Amino acid sequence: MSDGGCDFPIDPALPADRAAIVWLPHLDPAAVLVAPAPEAFREAQSLGSMTPAFTRSATDGDYWLVDDRHSRLPALLIGGAQAATRAAVVIPLDADFVTRADAALRLWRLVAGRSSRRAPDRLTAQRRYRLTLTLRTLDARLNGESYRVIAQTLFGRAHIPVGAGWKTHELRDRTIRLARAGLKLMRAGYLKLLRHRRSRLE
């Protein structure tokens, strides 16, 4: 798409929950790196039976998003790999090896026609709730709201004391912590949200 002379890989008019989000694979351990299989592996399967929900070509390869019934599995075809190429998976030996291996297994199950498994949740319900509070607090602070006003909005006016009691109140400290956490998220801390909870296999 183009707007005012600029090209966008994703339509900027789409709501965030409808846009196809693709992360660079070194940032997202759920992304599978797919390369051509070595010549000797003649029984290796290709991705030809799969129809990606989203594709985009870039200088480092072809980005795919594949529906697996539960979610969308990201893949990056590298080294000249194409849909019809006998495929292998590259798993870097980094701190996210277990998560990357799990994503590769999910892709293999799709290619082999086996039932897929739901990927592990990146965020617990508790972390999702805290993230919601954090982003609301960040948005309010960036718009110049005081900690008191933010606390009244998040936790209810009835829970916020008047007068000097506010200065030492637990909800004031909590609001300040949320604001600091929001700033960390804004300053690239959001990338940590891509990491799954650590597997018990590690």
C-alpha atoms as a PDB file:
ATOM      1  CA  MET A   1       0.000   0.000   0.000  1.00  0.00           C
ATOM      2  CA  SER A   2       1.154   3.563  -0.667  1.00  0.00           C
ATOM      3  CA  ASP A   3       0.159   6.774   1.107  1.00  0.00           C
ATOM      4  CA  GLY A   4       1.665  10.151   0.266  1.00  0.00           C
ATOM      5  CA  GLY A   5       4.549   8.560  -1.598  1.00  0.00           C
ATOM      6  CA  CYS A   6       5.403   6.087   1.195  1.00  0.00           C
ATOM      7  CA  ASP A   7       4.978   2.333   0.897  1.00  0.00           C
ATOM      8  CA  PHE A   8       3.605   0.383   3.855  1.00  0.00           C
ATOM      9  CA  PRO A   9       3.897  -3.420   4.168  1.00  0.00           C
ATOM     10  CA  ILE A  10       0.665  -3.400   6.205  1.00  0.00           C
ATOM     11  CA  ASP A  11      -2.366  -1.188   5.585  1.00  0.00           C
ATOM     12  CA  PRO A  12      -1.991   1.544   8.269  1.00  0.00           C
ATOM     13  CA  ALA A  13      -5.785   1.968   8.302  1.00  0.00           C
ATOM     14  CA  LEU A  14      -6.302  -1.556   9.688  1.00  0.00           C
ATOM     15  CA  PRO A  15      -7.041  -1.898  13.421  1.00  0.00           C
ATOM     16  CA  ALA A  16      -4.143  -3.460  15.353  1.00  0.00           C
ATOM     17  CA  ASP A  17      -6.105  -6.636  16.107  1.00  0.00           C
ATOM     18  CA  ARG A  18      -6.765  -7.240  12.391  1.00  0.00           C
ATOM     19  CA  ALA A  19      -3.368  -6.431  10.911  1.00  0.00           C
ATOM     20  CA  ALA A  20      -0.959  -9.254  10.055  1.00  0.00           C
ATOM     21  CA  ILE A  21       1.986  -8.647  12.374  1.00  0.00           C
ATOM     22  CA  VAL A  22       5.350 -10.070  11.317  1.00  0.00           C
ATOM     23  CA  TRP A  23       8.417  -9.769  13.551  1.00  0.00           C
ATOM     24  CA  LEU A  24      12.041 -10.281  12.601  1.00  0.00           C
ATOM     25  CA  PRO A  25      12.912 -13.889  13.524  1.00  0.00           C
ATOM     26  CA  HIS A  26      15.791 -12.973  15.825  1.00  0.00           C
ATOM     27  CA  LEU A  27      13.270 -11.000  17.899  1.00  0.00           C
ATOM     28  CA  ASP A  28      10.441 -13.542  17.793  1.00  0.00           C
ATOM     29  CA  PRO A  29      11.455 -17.049  18.922  1.00  0.00           C
ATOM     30  CA  ALA A  30       8.109 -18.393  17.663  1.00  0.00           C
ATOM     31  CA  ALA A  31       9.234 -17.748  14.075  1.00  0.00           C
ATOM     32  CA  VAL A  32      10.532 -20.771  12.143  1.00  0.00           C
ATOM     33  CA  LEU A  33      13.523 -20.413   9.822  1.00  0.00           C
ATOM     34  CA  VAL A  34      13.009 -22.638   6.772  1.00  0.00           C
ATOM     35  CA  ALA A  35      15.941 -23.378   4.457  1.00  0.00           C
ATOM     36  CA  PRO A  36      16.549 -25.835   1.589  1.00  0.00           C
ATOM     37  CA  ALA A  37      17.294 -29.318   2.912  1.00  0.00           C
ATOM     38  CA  PRO A  38      20.738 -30.762   2.093  1.00  0.00           C
ATOM     39  CA  GLU A  39      20.784 -32.736  -1.157  1.00  0.00           C
ATOM     40  CA  ALA A  40      21.066 -36.113   0.605  1.00  0.00           C
ATOM     41  CA  PHE A  41      17.727 -35.594   2.416  1.00  0.00           C
ATOM     42  CA  ARG A  42      15.562 -36.549  -0.543  1.00  0.00           C
ATOM     43  CA  GLU A  43      12.607 -37.547   1.635  1.00  0.00           C
ATOM     44  CA  ALA A  44      12.366 -34.141   3.278  1.00  0.00           C
ATOM     45  CA  GLN A  45       8.975 -32.584   2.651  1.00  0.00           C
ATOM     46  CA  SER A  46       8.248 -29.180   1.201  1.00  0.00           C
ATOM     47  CA  LEU A  47       5.790 -26.506   2.296  1.00  0.00           C
ATOM     48  CA  GLY A  48       3.907 -26.893  -0.971  1.00  0.00           C
ATOM     49  CA  SER A  49       0.794 -28.299   0.677  1.00  0.00           C
ATOM     50  CA  MET A  50       0.390 -25.196   2.814  1.00  0.00           C
ATOM     51  CA  THR A  51      -1.438 -22.008   1.896  1.00  0.00           C
ATOM     52  CA  PRO A  52      -0.101 -19.121   3.987  1.00  0.00           C
ATOM     53  CA  ALA A  53      -2.582 -16.571   5.289  1.00  0.00           C
ATOM     54  CA  PHE A  54      -0.042 -13.825   4.634  1.00  0.00           C
ATOM     55  CA  THR A  55       3.171 -13.538   2.621  1.00  0.00           C
ATOM     56  CA  ARG A  56       5.698 -10.796   2.100  1.00  0.00           C
ATOM     57  CA  SER A  57       9.011 -10.887   0.252  1.00  0.00           C
ATOM     58  CA  ALA A  58      11.968  -9.050   1.750  1.00  0.00           C
ATOM     59  CA  THR A  59      15.718  -8.928   1.227  1.00  0.00           C
ATOM     60  CA  ASP A  60      16.286 -11.619   3.885  1.00  0.00           C
ATOM     61  CA  GLY A  61      13.661 -14.036   2.556  1.00  0.00           C
ATOM     62  CA  ASP A  62       9.931 -14.651   2.264  1.00  0.00           C
ATOM     63  CA  TYR A  63       7.846 -14.064   5.387  1.00  0.00           C
ATOM     64  CA  TRP A  64       4.840 -16.309   5.909  1.00  0.00           C
ATOM     65  CA  LEU A  65       2.053 -16.466   8.452  1.00  0.00           C
ATOM     66  CA  VAL A  66       0.455 -19.919   8.541  1.00  0.00           C
ATOM     67  CA  ASP A  67      -2.862 -20.691  10.226  1.00  0.00           C
ATOM     68  CA  ASP A  68      -2.667 -23.721  12.518  1.00  0.00           C
ATOM     69  CA  ARG A  69      -6.276 -23.549  13.828  1.00  0.00           C
ATOM     70  CA  HIS A  70      -5.170 -22.066  17.147  1.00  0.00           C
ATOM     71  CA  SER A  71      -3.125 -19.091  15.959  1.00  0.00           C
ATOM     72  CA  ARG A  72      -0.814 -17.969  13.183  1.00  0.00           C
ATOM     73  CA  LEU A  73       2.645 -19.493  12.996  1.00  0.00           C
ATOM     74  CA  PRO A  74       5.310 -17.211  11.495  1.00  0.00           C
ATOM     75  CA  ALA A  75       7.954 -18.631   9.168  1.00  0.00           C
ATOM     76  CA  LEU A  76      10.796 -17.113   7.174  1.00  0.00           C
ATOM     77  CA  LEU A  77      11.975 -18.901   4.036  1.00  0.00           C
ATOM     78  CA  ILE A  78      15.714 -18.253   3.697  1.00  0.00           C
ATOM     79  CA  GLY A  79      18.570 -19.350   1.457  1.00  0.00           C
ATOM     80  CA  GLY A  80      16.419 -19.448  -1.661  1.00  0.00           C
ATOM     81  CA  ALA A  81      13.817 -21.780  -0.134  1.00  0.00           C
ATOM     82  CA  GLN A  82      10.436 -21.737  -1.842  1.00  0.00           C
ATOM     83  CA  ALA A  83       7.143 -23.512  -1.285  1.00  0.00           C
ATOM     84  CA  ALA A  84       8.175 -26.443  -3.506  1.00  0.00           C
ATOM     85  CA  THR A  85      11.687 -26.779  -2.039  1.00  0.00           C
ATOM     86  CA  ARG A  86      12.520 -29.813   0.105  1.00  0.00           C
ATOM     87  CA  ALA A  87      12.744 -28.055   3.427  1.00  0.00           C
ATOM     88  CA  ALA A  88      14.836 -28.078   6.566  1.00  0.00           C
ATOM     89  CA  VAL A  89      14.506 -25.970   9.697  1.00  0.00           C
ATOM     90  CA  VAL A  90      17.345 -23.875  11.109  1.00  0.00           C
ATOM     91  CA  ILE A  91      17.314 -23.516  14.905  1.00  0.00           C
ATOM     92  CA  PRO A  92      19.975 -21.163  16.296  1.00  0.00           C
ATOM     93  CA  LEU A  93      21.665 -22.324  19.489  1.00  0.00           C
ATOM     94  CA  ASP A  94      20.582 -19.299  21.492  1.00  0.00           C
ATOM     95  CA  ALA A  95      18.725 -18.752  24.765  1.00  0.00           C
ATOM     96  CA  ASP A  96      15.382 -19.333  22.987  1.00  0.00           C
ATOM     97  CA  PHE A  97      16.334 -22.717  21.531  1.00  0.00           C
ATOM     98  CA  VAL A  98      13.537 -24.640  23.284  1.00  0.00           C
ATOM     99  CA  THR A  99      10.878 -22.179  22.127  1.00  0.00           C
ATOM    100  CA  ARG A 100      12.238 -22.236  18.572  1.00  0.00           C
ATOM    101  CA  ALA A 101      12.290 -26.036  18.571  1.00  0.00           C
ATOM    102  CA  ASP A 102       8.668 -26.107  19.740  1.00  0.00           C
ATOM    103  CA  ALA A 103       7.688 -23.762  16.898  1.00  0.00           C
ATOM    104  CA  ALA A 104       9.545 -25.985  14.417  1.00  0.00           C
ATOM    105  CA  LEU A 105       7.631 -29.004  15.733  1.00  0.00           C
ATOM    106  CA  ARG A 106       4.353 -27.142  15.237  1.00  0.00           C
ATOM    107  CA  LEU A 107       5.317 -26.465  11.611  1.00  0.00           C
ATOM    108  CA  TRP A 108       6.326 -30.096  11.063  1.00  0.00           C
ATOM    109  CA  ARG A 109       2.965 -31.306  12.406  1.00  0.00           C
ATOM    110  CA  LEU A 110       1.186 -29.023   9.932  1.00  0.00           C
ATOM    111  CA  VAL A 111       3.291 -30.218   7.000  1.00  0.00           C
ATOM    112  CA  ALA A 112       2.847 -33.866   8.027  1.00  0.00           C
ATOM    113  CA  GLY A 113      -0.908 -33.466   8.402  1.00  0.00           C
ATOM    114  CA  ARG A 114      -0.928 -34.186  12.114  1.00  0.00           C
ATOM    115  CA  SER A 115      -3.125 -32.444  14.644  1.00  0.00           C
ATOM    116  CA  SER A 116      -1.616 -29.193  15.816  1.00  0.00           C
ATOM    117  CA  ARG A 117      -1.032 -28.187  19.396  1.00  0.00           C
ATOM    118  CA  ARG A 118      -1.770 -24.805  20.885  1.00  0.00           C
ATOM    119  CA  ALA A 119       1.381 -22.774  21.359  1.00  0.00           C
ATOM    120  CA  PRO A 120       2.224 -21.948  24.977  1.00  0.00           C
ATOM    121  CA  ASP A 121       0.747 -18.665  26.124  1.00  0.00           C
ATOM    122  CA  ARG A 122       3.276 -15.860  26.130  1.00  0.00           C
ATOM    123  CA  LEU A 123       1.299 -13.995  28.778  1.00  0.00           C
ATOM    124  CA  THR A 124      -0.697 -15.271  31.732  1.00  0.00           C
ATOM    125  CA  ALA A 125      -4.064 -13.675  32.489  1.00  0.00           C
ATOM    126  CA  GLN A 126      -2.428 -11.840  35.401  1.00  0.00           C
ATOM    127  CA  ARG A 127       0.331 -10.427  33.189  1.00  0.00           C
ATOM    128  CA  ARG A 128      -2.235  -9.374  30.585  1.00  0.00           C
ATOM    129  CA  TYR A 129      -4.160  -7.464  33.253  1.00  0.00           C
ATOM    130  CA  ARG A 130      -1.012  -5.768  34.538  1.00  0.00           C
ATOM    131  CA  LEU A 131       0.003  -4.902  30.971  1.00  0.00           C
ATOM    132  CA  THR A 132      -3.384  -3.264  30.432  1.00  0.00           C
ATOM    133  CA  LEU A 133      -2.917  -1.137  33.558  1.00  0.00           C
ATOM    134  CA  THR A 134       0.643  -0.319  32.514  1.00  0.00           C
ATOM    135  CA  LEU A 135      -0.317   0.899  29.051  1.00  0.00           C
ATOM    136  CA  ARG A 136      -3.226   2.950  30.378  1.00  0.00           C
ATOM    137  CA  THR A 137      -0.905   4.555  32.923  1.00  0.00           C
ATOM    138  CA  LEU A 138       1.734   5.279  30.283  1.00  0.00           C
ATOM    139  CA  ASP A 139      -0.838   6.861  27.981  1.00  0.00           C
ATOM    140  CA  ALA A 140      -2.132   9.070  30.796  1.00  0.00           C
ATOM    141  CA  ARG A 141       1.353  10.173  31.887  1.00  0.00           C
ATOM    142  CA  LEU A 142       2.311  11.030  28.307  1.00  0.00           C
ATOM    143  CA  ASN A 143      -0.805  13.204  28.243  1.00  0.00           C
ATOM    144  CA  GLY A 144       0.264  15.033  31.399  1.00  0.00           C
ATOM    145  CA  GLU A 145      -2.067  13.438  33.959  1.00  0.00           C
ATOM    146  CA  SER A 146      -1.026  13.338  37.625  1.00  0.00           C
ATOM    147  CA  TYR A 147      -0.512  10.100  39.537  1.00  0.00           C
ATOM    148  CA  ARG A 148      -3.573  10.896  41.648  1.00  0.00           C
ATOM    149  CA  VAL A 149      -5.872  11.286  38.635  1.00  0.00           C
ATOM    150  CA  ILE A 150      -4.504   8.094  37.094  1.00  0.00           C
ATOM    151  CA  ALA A 151      -5.009   6.147  40.330  1.00  0.00           C
ATOM    152  CA  GLN A 152      -8.565   7.427  40.623  1.00  0.00           C
ATOM    153  CA  THR A 153      -9.290   6.249  37.098  1.00  0.00           C
ATOM    154  CA  LEU A 154      -7.653   2.825  37.476  1.00  0.00           C
ATOM    155  CA  PHE A 155      -8.679   1.917  40.999  1.00  0.00           C
ATOM    156  CA  GLY A 156     -11.700   4.090  41.723  1.00  0.00           C
ATOM    157  CA  ARG A 157     -11.971   7.494  43.364  1.00  0.00           C
ATOM    158  CA  ALA A 158     -13.299   5.969  46.597  1.00  0.00           C
ATOM    159  CA  HIS A 159     -10.015   4.079  47.135  1.00  0.00           C
ATOM    160  CA  ILE A 160      -7.814   7.181  46.862  1.00  0.00           C
ATOM    161  CA  PRO A 161      -7.389   9.170  50.114  1.00  0.00           C
ATOM    162  CA  VAL A 162      -7.597  12.938  50.170  1.00  0.00           C
ATOM    163  CA  GLY A 163      -4.968  15.165  51.725  1.00  0.00           C
ATOM    164  CA  ALA A 164      -1.534  14.105  52.926  1.00  0.00           C
ATOM    165  CA  GLY A 165      -2.521  10.451  53.187  1.00  0.00           C
ATOM    166  CA  TRP A 166      -2.096  10.143  49.434  1.00  0.00           C
ATOM    167  CA  LYS A 167       1.657  10.739  49.636  1.00  0.00           C
ATOM    168  CA  THR A 168       2.294   7.455  51.474  1.00  0.00           C
ATOM    169  CA  HIS A 169      -0.577   5.421  50.079  1.00  0.00           C
ATOM    170  CA  GLU A 170       0.080   1.989  48.520  1.00  0.00           C
ATOM    171  CA  LEU A 171      -1.891   2.871  45.383  1.00  0.00           C
ATOM    172  CA  ARG A 172       0.321   5.907  44.754  1.00  0.00           C
ATOM    173  CA  ASP A 173       3.396   3.666  44.857  1.00  0.00           C
ATOM    174  CA  ARG A 174       1.663   1.151  42.606  1.00  0.00           C
ATOM    175  CA  THR A 175       0.742   3.860  40.091  1.00  0.00           C
ATOM    176  CA  ILE A 176       4.326   5.120  40.004  1.00  0.00           C
ATOM    177  CA  ARG A 177       5.591   1.568  39.410  1.00  0.00           C
ATOM    178  CA  LEU A 178       3.120   1.161  36.550  1.00  0.00           C
ATOM    179  CA  ALA A 179       4.316   4.423  35.006  1.00  0.00           C
ATOM    180  CA  ARG A 180       7.952   3.329  35.213  1.00  0.00           C
ATOM    181  CA  ALA A 181       7.081  -0.057  33.719  1.00  0.00           C
ATOM    182  CA  GLY A 182       5.265   1.710  30.883  1.00  0.00           C
ATOM    183  CA  LEU A 183       8.316   3.796  30.077  1.00  0.00           C
ATOM    184  CA  LYS A 184      10.461   0.651  29.956  1.00  0.00           C
ATOM    185  CA  LEU A 185       7.985  -0.931  27.543  1.00  0.00           C
ATOM    186  CA  MET A 186       8.066   2.156  25.348  1.00  0.00           C
ATOM    187  CA  ARG A 187      11.877   2.077  25.297  1.00  0.00           C
ATOM    188  CA  ALA A 188      12.038  -1.341  23.558  1.00  0.00           C
ATOM    189  CA  GLY A 189      11.050  -3.359  26.626  1.00  0.00           C
ATOM    190  CA  TYR A 190       7.970  -4.497  24.695  1.00  0.00           C
ATOM    191  CA  LEU A 191      10.222  -6.943  22.828  1.00  0.00           C
ATOM    192  CA  LYS A 192      10.332  -9.105  25.960  1.00  0.00           C
ATOM    193  CA  LEU A 193       6.619  -9.794  25.444  1.00  0.00           C
ATOM    194  CA  LEU A 194       7.566 -11.977  22.468  1.00  0.00           C
ATOM    195  CA  ARG A 195       9.300 -14.438  24.788  1.00  0.00           C
ATOM    196  CA  HIS A 196       7.345 -17.444  26.023  1.00  0.00           C
ATOM    197  CA  ARG A 197       7.434 -18.484  29.607  1.00  0.00           C
ATOM    198  CA  ARG A 198      10.377 -20.782  30.171  1.00  0.00           C
ATOM    199  CA  SER A 199       9.707 -24.418  29.366  1.00  0.00           C
ATOM    200  CA  ARG A 200       9.997 -27.086  32.032  1.00  0.00           C
ATOM    201  CA  LEU A 201      12.284 -28.909  29.596  1.00  0.00           C
ATOM    202  CA  GLU A 202      15.023 -26.300  30.090  1.00  0.00           C
END
